[in-house]
Amino acid sequence: MRIFPRDCRFLIALLAGLLATGCGDERKPDVPAPPDPLTEGMAYLAEGDALAALPLLDRALLANPRSLQALHARARAHGLRGNAKAAAQDLALAIELDPGDAEARYQLGALRGREGRIEDAIRELGAAIEKDPEMVKAHVDRSAFLFRAGRVREAIADCDAALALDPYNAATLVNRGVFRSRIGEREKALADWTEAIRIQPRFIGGYFSRGVDRGSHGELREAIADFDEVLRIRPDHGAARRNRASAYLQLGRFDEALADLDALMRAGPADASLHRDRAACLRGSGRIAEAEEEERRAAEMEKKKRKTE
């Protein structure tokens, strides 16, 4: 005897489904799990909000005191807040937990550098490189501190190592150019700056460094062209405008020099040297009375400065 009519077979499937899921039960919607405090803290840290990140990172470390990632992140947060002592404590704990922790060594080296402890910075960054020879940022940062310590060839060697790992790093090329220029390797320096410009045409470091070098070697028109590029990308770049004004002045292009000097004076407080250069431009243009007034202002500013020193 058939219990269910043939045209109601679909009801059997429906009933089976209801029984499988609990007939008559109300299903609760899925609720996303609360964010992990480490993930949330690192997100705030990525935005530069160390104040919001710190309590979350504290919670993460309460849950897992041996988390190197949380210790690294909290050290960065303490550093952003200016608490070097707390940052160093977190990094020291990370190194104690894992003596091979290259990231902790790197951060500690960067911290020592910000404190002006250059030799300590060099040592810690060297330890990071020993643990991880392919850590580009450690080579780059150590090169800068070696340069500040007067160890220029060692700084160049670190740039070489960084560029072997990351050949398209325009900032490192610019730095190596500066270092090479310091020891008289001008052609190599120019090649580095030009390559940096080729790799990253909107990176002003290559144009600016090459412009300063060209200006110092009397290649004034070429220097002006480089400073033009800097100012096209960054119209508020005061150092480029100041150097361009100097090049214009040396070429006797007084009106163009005055335009740059006036722009600098509008942008911020003028020092005595701006007034001196402005006076030179005015004299060159035959505007003697105005030049004398600028010289008087420059002399007054220099006098005031000597009194405060």
Protein backbone atom coordinates (compact mmCIF):
# COMPACT_ATOMS: atom_id res chain seq x y z
CA MET A 1 0.00 0.00 0.00
CA ARG A 2 1.41 3.43 -1.01
CA ILE A 3 1.61 5.80 1.96
CA PHE A 4 2.46 8.96 0.05
CA PRO A 5 0.98 9.97 -3.26
CA ARG A 6 3.39 9.98 -6.20
CA ASP A 7 3.09 13.76 -6.75
CA CYS A 8 4.13 14.44 -3.13
CA ARG A 9 7.52 12.72 -3.25
CA PHE A 10 9.22 16.07 -3.00
CA LEU A 11 7.77 16.35 0.51
CA ILE A 12 9.79 13.31 1.57
CA ALA A 13 13.02 15.07 0.60
CA LEU A 14 11.91 18.21 2.41
CA LEU A 15 11.09 16.22 5.54
CA ALA A 16 14.45 14.47 5.43
CA GLY A 17 16.21 17.83 5.18
CA LEU A 18 14.30 19.21 8.13
CA LEU A 19 15.11 16.16 10.23
CA ALA A 20 18.80 16.44 9.36
CA THR A 21 18.98 20.08 10.43
CA GLY A 22 16.66 19.87 13.41
CA CYS A 23 13.08 20.46 12.44
CA GLY A 24 11.66 23.58 13.87
CA ASP A 25 15.07 24.92 15.15
CA GLU A 26 16.00 28.52 14.36
CA ARG A 27 19.50 28.69 12.86
CA LYS A 28 21.67 31.50 14.20
CA PRO A 29 23.54 33.58 11.63
CA ASP A 30 27.30 33.14 11.45
CA VAL A 31 29.08 35.77 13.57
CA PRO A 32 32.63 36.63 12.57
CA ALA A 33 35.25 35.91 15.18
CA PRO A 34 36.66 38.96 16.95
CA PRO A 35 39.90 40.21 15.38
CA ASP A 36 43.12 38.81 16.75
CA PRO A 37 44.81 41.50 18.91
CA LEU A 38 48.17 40.96 17.19
CA THR A 39 46.64 41.37 13.72
CA GLU A 40 44.65 44.41 14.81
CA GLY A 41 47.62 45.96 16.59
CA MET A 42 49.86 45.50 13.56
CA ALA A 43 47.19 47.10 11.36
CA TYR A 44 47.22 50.20 13.58
CA LEU A 45 51.01 50.14 13.54
CA ALA A 46 51.03 50.05 9.73
CA GLU A 47 48.99 53.26 9.82
CA GLY A 48 51.50 54.85 12.21
CA ASP A 49 49.06 54.82 15.14
CA ALA A 50 51.34 53.44 17.86
CA LEU A 51 49.08 54.70 20.65
CA ALA A 52 46.20 52.50 19.47
CA ALA A 53 48.52 49.59 18.68
CA LEU A 54 50.21 49.30 22.07
CA PRO A 55 47.32 47.98 24.23
CA LEU A 56 46.47 45.42 21.54
CA LEU A 57 50.07 44.25 21.35
CA ASP A 58 50.17 44.05 25.16
CA ARG A 59 47.16 41.72 24.99
CA ALA A 60 48.81 39.64 22.29
CA LEU A 61 51.89 39.17 24.46
CA LEU A 62 49.82 38.30 27.53
CA ALA A 63 48.29 35.52 25.45
CA ASN A 64 51.64 34.43 24.00
CA PRO A 65 54.69 35.89 25.79
CA ARG A 66 57.06 34.12 23.38
CA SER A 67 55.65 35.65 20.20
CA LEU A 68 58.60 37.18 18.36
CA GLN A 69 56.25 38.89 15.91
CA ALA A 70 54.41 40.61 18.76
CA LEU A 71 57.68 41.64 20.42
CA HIS A 72 58.97 43.11 17.15
CA ALA A 73 55.72 45.00 16.63
CA ARG A 74 55.57 46.34 20.18
CA ALA A 75 59.20 47.44 19.96
CA ARG A 76 58.34 49.44 16.81
CA ALA A 77 55.35 50.95 18.57
CA HIS A 78 57.45 51.96 21.58
CA GLY A 79 60.01 53.45 19.20
CA LEU A 80 57.33 55.53 17.45
CA ARG A 81 56.21 56.78 20.85
CA GLY A 82 59.79 57.78 21.72
CA ASN A 83 60.20 55.15 24.43
CA ALA A 84 63.60 53.80 23.42
CA LYS A 85 64.12 51.98 26.72
CA ALA A 86 60.92 49.93 26.38
CA ALA A 87 61.70 49.20 22.72
CA ALA A 88 65.18 47.97 23.60
CA GLN A 89 63.74 45.74 26.35
CA ASP A 90 61.34 44.07 23.93
CA LEU A 91 64.11 43.52 21.38
CA ALA A 92 66.47 42.14 24.02
CA LEU A 93 63.76 39.68 25.09
CA ALA A 94 63.24 38.61 21.47
CA ILE A 95 66.99 37.98 21.09
CA GLU A 96 67.03 36.05 24.37
CA LEU A 97 64.17 33.85 23.11
CA ASP A 98 65.85 33.36 19.71
CA PRO A 99 69.54 34.37 19.41
CA GLY A 100 69.20 33.98 15.64
CA ASP A 101 66.47 36.64 15.42
CA ALA A 102 67.82 38.88 12.65
CA GLU A 103 64.81 41.22 12.69
CA ALA A 104 65.29 42.03 16.39
CA ARG A 105 68.99 42.71 15.76
CA TYR A 106 68.05 44.97 12.85
CA GLN A 107 65.52 46.95 14.87
CA LEU A 108 67.98 47.31 17.75
CA GLY A 109 70.62 48.61 15.34
CA ALA A 110 68.19 51.14 13.88
CA LEU A 111 67.22 52.21 17.41
CA ARG A 112 70.85 52.74 18.42
CA GLY A 113 71.38 54.79 15.28
CA ARG A 114 68.45 57.07 16.11
CA GLU A 115 70.01 57.57 19.55
CA GLY A 116 73.27 58.65 17.90
CA ARG A 117 75.13 55.55 19.10
CA ILE A 118 76.70 54.94 15.71
CA GLU A 119 79.20 52.23 16.61
CA ASP A 120 76.52 50.30 18.50
CA ALA A 121 74.23 50.63 15.49
CA ILE A 122 76.94 49.30 13.17
CA ARG A 123 77.57 46.35 15.49
CA GLU A 124 73.89 45.36 15.84
CA LEU A 125 73.23 45.71 12.11
CA GLY A 126 76.31 43.58 11.48
CA ALA A 127 74.81 40.92 13.75
CA ALA A 128 71.57 41.08 11.77
CA ILE A 129 73.49 40.60 8.52
CA GLU A 130 75.43 37.71 10.03
CA LYS A 131 72.12 36.00 10.85
CA ASP A 132 70.50 36.94 7.52
CA PRO A 133 73.01 37.96 4.82
CA GLU A 134 70.16 38.74 2.41
CA MET A 135 68.51 41.37 4.64
CA VAL A 136 68.71 44.31 2.26
CA LYS A 137 67.53 46.93 4.75
CA ALA A 138 70.31 45.99 7.18
CA HIS A 139 72.97 46.50 4.50
CA VAL A 140 71.38 49.81 3.49
CA ASP A 141 71.11 51.17 7.03
CA ARG A 142 74.59 50.01 8.01
CA SER A 143 76.04 51.72 4.94
CA ALA A 144 74.63 55.05 6.14
CA PHE A 145 76.09 54.64 9.63
CA LEU A 146 79.45 53.51 8.24
CA PHE A 147 79.50 56.65 6.10
CA ARG A 148 78.77 58.82 9.13
CA ALA A 149 81.63 57.07 10.93
CA GLY A 150 84.00 57.97 8.08
CA ARG A 151 84.30 54.36 6.89
CA VAL A 152 83.35 55.22 3.33
CA ARG A 153 84.69 52.21 1.47
CA GLU A 154 82.92 49.87 3.87
CA ALA A 155 79.73 51.88 3.29
CA ILE A 156 80.14 51.41 -0.47
CA ALA A 157 80.65 47.66 0.06
CA ASP A 158 77.33 47.47 1.93
CA CYS A 159 75.61 49.33 -0.91
CA ASP A 160 77.16 46.84 -3.33
CA ALA A 161 75.74 43.96 -1.27
CA ALA A 162 72.29 45.57 -1.12
CA LEU A 163 72.24 46.25 -4.85
CA ALA A 164 73.32 42.70 -5.63
CA LEU A 165 70.15 41.60 -3.84
CA ASP A 166 67.92 44.45 -5.08
CA PRO A 167 69.42 46.03 -8.22
CA TYR A 168 66.46 48.37 -8.78
CA ASN A 169 66.72 50.21 -5.48
CA ALA A 170 67.07 53.83 -6.61
CA ALA A 171 67.65 55.20 -3.10
CA THR A 172 70.62 52.87 -2.55
CA LEU A 173 72.09 53.88 -5.92
CA VAL A 174 71.83 57.54 -4.90
CA ASN A 175 73.51 56.82 -1.57
CA ARG A 176 76.32 54.89 -3.22
CA GLY A 177 76.81 57.81 -5.59
CA VAL A 178 77.16 60.18 -2.65
CA PHE A 179 79.65 57.85 -0.98
CA ARG A 180 81.68 57.47 -4.18
CA SER A 181 81.70 61.22 -4.69
CA ARG A 182 83.18 61.65 -1.21
CA ILE A 183 86.27 59.59 -2.13
CA GLY A 184 86.70 61.25 -5.54
CA GLU A 185 85.10 58.57 -7.72
CA ARG A 186 83.07 61.15 -9.62
CA GLU A 187 82.38 59.22 -12.82
CA LYS A 188 81.09 56.25 -10.85
CA ALA A 189 78.97 58.59 -8.73
CA LEU A 190 77.44 60.22 -11.81
CA ALA A 191 76.73 56.77 -13.24
CA ASP A 192 74.91 55.77 -10.04
CA TRP A 193 72.74 58.90 -10.00
CA THR A 194 71.93 58.58 -13.69
CA GLU A 195 70.97 54.92 -13.23
CA ALA A 196 68.75 55.84 -10.28
CA ILE A 197 66.96 58.37 -12.50
CA ARG A 198 66.54 55.77 -15.25
CA ILE A 199 65.05 53.25 -12.82
CA GLN A 200 62.78 55.71 -11.04
CA PRO A 201 62.34 58.94 -13.03
CA ARG A 202 60.28 60.65 -10.33
CA PHE A 203 62.74 59.96 -7.51
CA ILE A 204 64.26 63.37 -6.84
CA GLY A 205 67.36 62.10 -5.04
CA GLY A 206 69.15 61.27 -8.28
CA TYR A 207 68.48 64.65 -9.87
CA PHE A 208 69.34 66.61 -6.75
CA SER A 209 72.61 64.81 -5.98
CA ARG A 210 73.73 65.02 -9.60
CA GLY A 211 72.78 68.70 -9.74
CA VAL A 212 74.79 69.54 -6.63
CA ASP A 213 77.80 67.68 -8.02
CA ARG A 214 77.54 69.40 -11.41
CA GLY A 215 77.20 72.80 -9.79
CA SER A 216 80.29 72.20 -7.64
CA HIS A 217 82.25 71.36 -10.81
CA GLY A 218 81.15 74.48 -12.68
CA GLU A 219 78.70 72.63 -14.93
CA LEU A 220 76.05 75.23 -14.15
CA ARG A 221 73.64 74.77 -17.04
CA GLU A 222 73.57 71.03 -16.48
CA ALA A 223 73.04 71.62 -12.75
CA ILE A 224 70.12 73.95 -13.47
CA ALA A 225 68.54 71.27 -15.66
CA ASP A 226 68.70 68.79 -12.78
CA PHE A 227 67.25 71.27 -10.30
CA ASP A 228 64.49 72.04 -12.83
CA GLU A 229 63.50 68.37 -12.69
CA VAL A 230 63.49 68.34 -8.89
CA LEU A 231 61.25 71.40 -8.81
CA ARG A 232 58.97 70.03 -11.48
CA ILE A 233 58.34 67.01 -9.24
CA ARG A 234 58.52 68.87 -5.91
CA PRO A 235 57.89 72.62 -6.35
CA ASP A 236 58.41 73.16 -2.60
CA HIS A 237 61.95 71.68 -2.55
CA GLY A 238 63.81 74.60 -0.98
CA ALA A 239 67.34 73.20 -1.32
CA ALA A 240 66.91 72.67 -5.07
CA ARG A 241 65.58 76.20 -5.51
CA ARG A 242 68.43 77.62 -3.43
CA ASN A 243 71.03 75.78 -5.50
CA ARG A 244 69.38 76.80 -8.74
CA ALA A 245 69.38 80.44 -7.65
CA SER A 246 73.11 80.16 -6.95
CA ALA A 247 73.73 78.70 -10.41
CA TYR A 248 71.67 81.43 -12.06
CA LEU A 249 73.62 84.07 -10.12
CA GLN A 250 76.98 82.64 -11.23
CA LEU A 251 75.80 82.67 -14.83
CA GLY A 252 74.67 86.30 -14.54
CA ARG A 253 71.02 85.38 -15.05
CA PHE A 254 69.99 87.83 -12.35
CA ASP A 255 66.25 88.00 -12.96
CA GLU A 256 65.88 84.23 -12.76
CA ALA A 257 68.03 84.12 -9.62
CA LEU A 258 65.91 86.86 -8.04
CA ALA A 259 62.73 84.96 -8.84
CA ASP A 260 64.04 81.89 -7.00
CA LEU A 261 65.35 83.91 -4.05
CA ASP A 262 62.06 85.78 -3.72
CA ALA A 263 60.16 82.46 -3.74
CA LEU A 264 62.40 81.20 -0.94
CA MET A 265 61.81 84.34 1.11
CA ARG A 266 58.05 83.97 0.70
CA ALA A 267 58.20 80.33 1.76
CA GLY A 268 59.90 80.94 5.09
CA PRO A 269 62.14 83.12 7.20
CA ALA A 270 65.11 84.39 5.23
CA ASP A 271 68.66 84.12 6.51
CA ALA A 272 71.46 86.60 5.87
CA SER A 273 72.85 84.62 2.94
CA LEU A 274 69.59 85.02 1.01
CA HIS A 275 69.79 88.78 1.46
CA ARG A 276 73.47 88.74 0.39
CA ASP A 277 72.64 86.81 -2.79
CA ARG A 278 69.69 89.05 -3.49
CA ALA A 279 71.96 92.08 -3.11
CA ALA A 280 74.40 90.55 -5.63
CA CYS A 281 71.57 90.04 -8.11
CA LEU A 282 70.34 93.60 -7.68
CA ARG A 283 73.87 94.99 -8.14
CA GLY A 284 74.29 92.90 -11.25
CA SER A 285 71.05 94.36 -12.60
CA GLY A 286 72.20 97.91 -11.82
CA ARG A 287 69.72 98.41 -8.97
CA ILE A 288 72.34 99.76 -6.57
CA ALA A 289 70.13 101.42 -3.95
CA GLU A 290 68.08 98.24 -3.52
CA ALA A 291 71.27 96.20 -3.32
CA GLU A 292 72.62 98.40 -0.54
CA GLU A 293 69.38 98.00 1.41
CA GLU A 294 69.64 94.20 1.12
CA GLU A 295 73.26 94.33 2.31
CA ARG A 296 72.21 96.42 5.30
CA ARG A 297 69.56 93.84 6.23
CA ALA A 298 72.06 91.02 5.88
CA ALA A 299 74.55 92.82 8.13
CA GLU A 300 71.90 93.37 10.80
CA MET A 301 70.91 89.71 10.75
CA GLU A 302 74.53 88.60 11.04
CA LYS A 303 75.06 90.95 13.96
CA LYS A 304 72.02 89.58 15.81
CA LYS A 305 73.16 86.03 15.19
CA ARG A 306 76.62 86.70 16.65
CA LYS A 307 75.01 88.12 19.80
CA THR A 308 72.97 85.00 20.38
CA GLU A 309 75.91 82.61 19.87
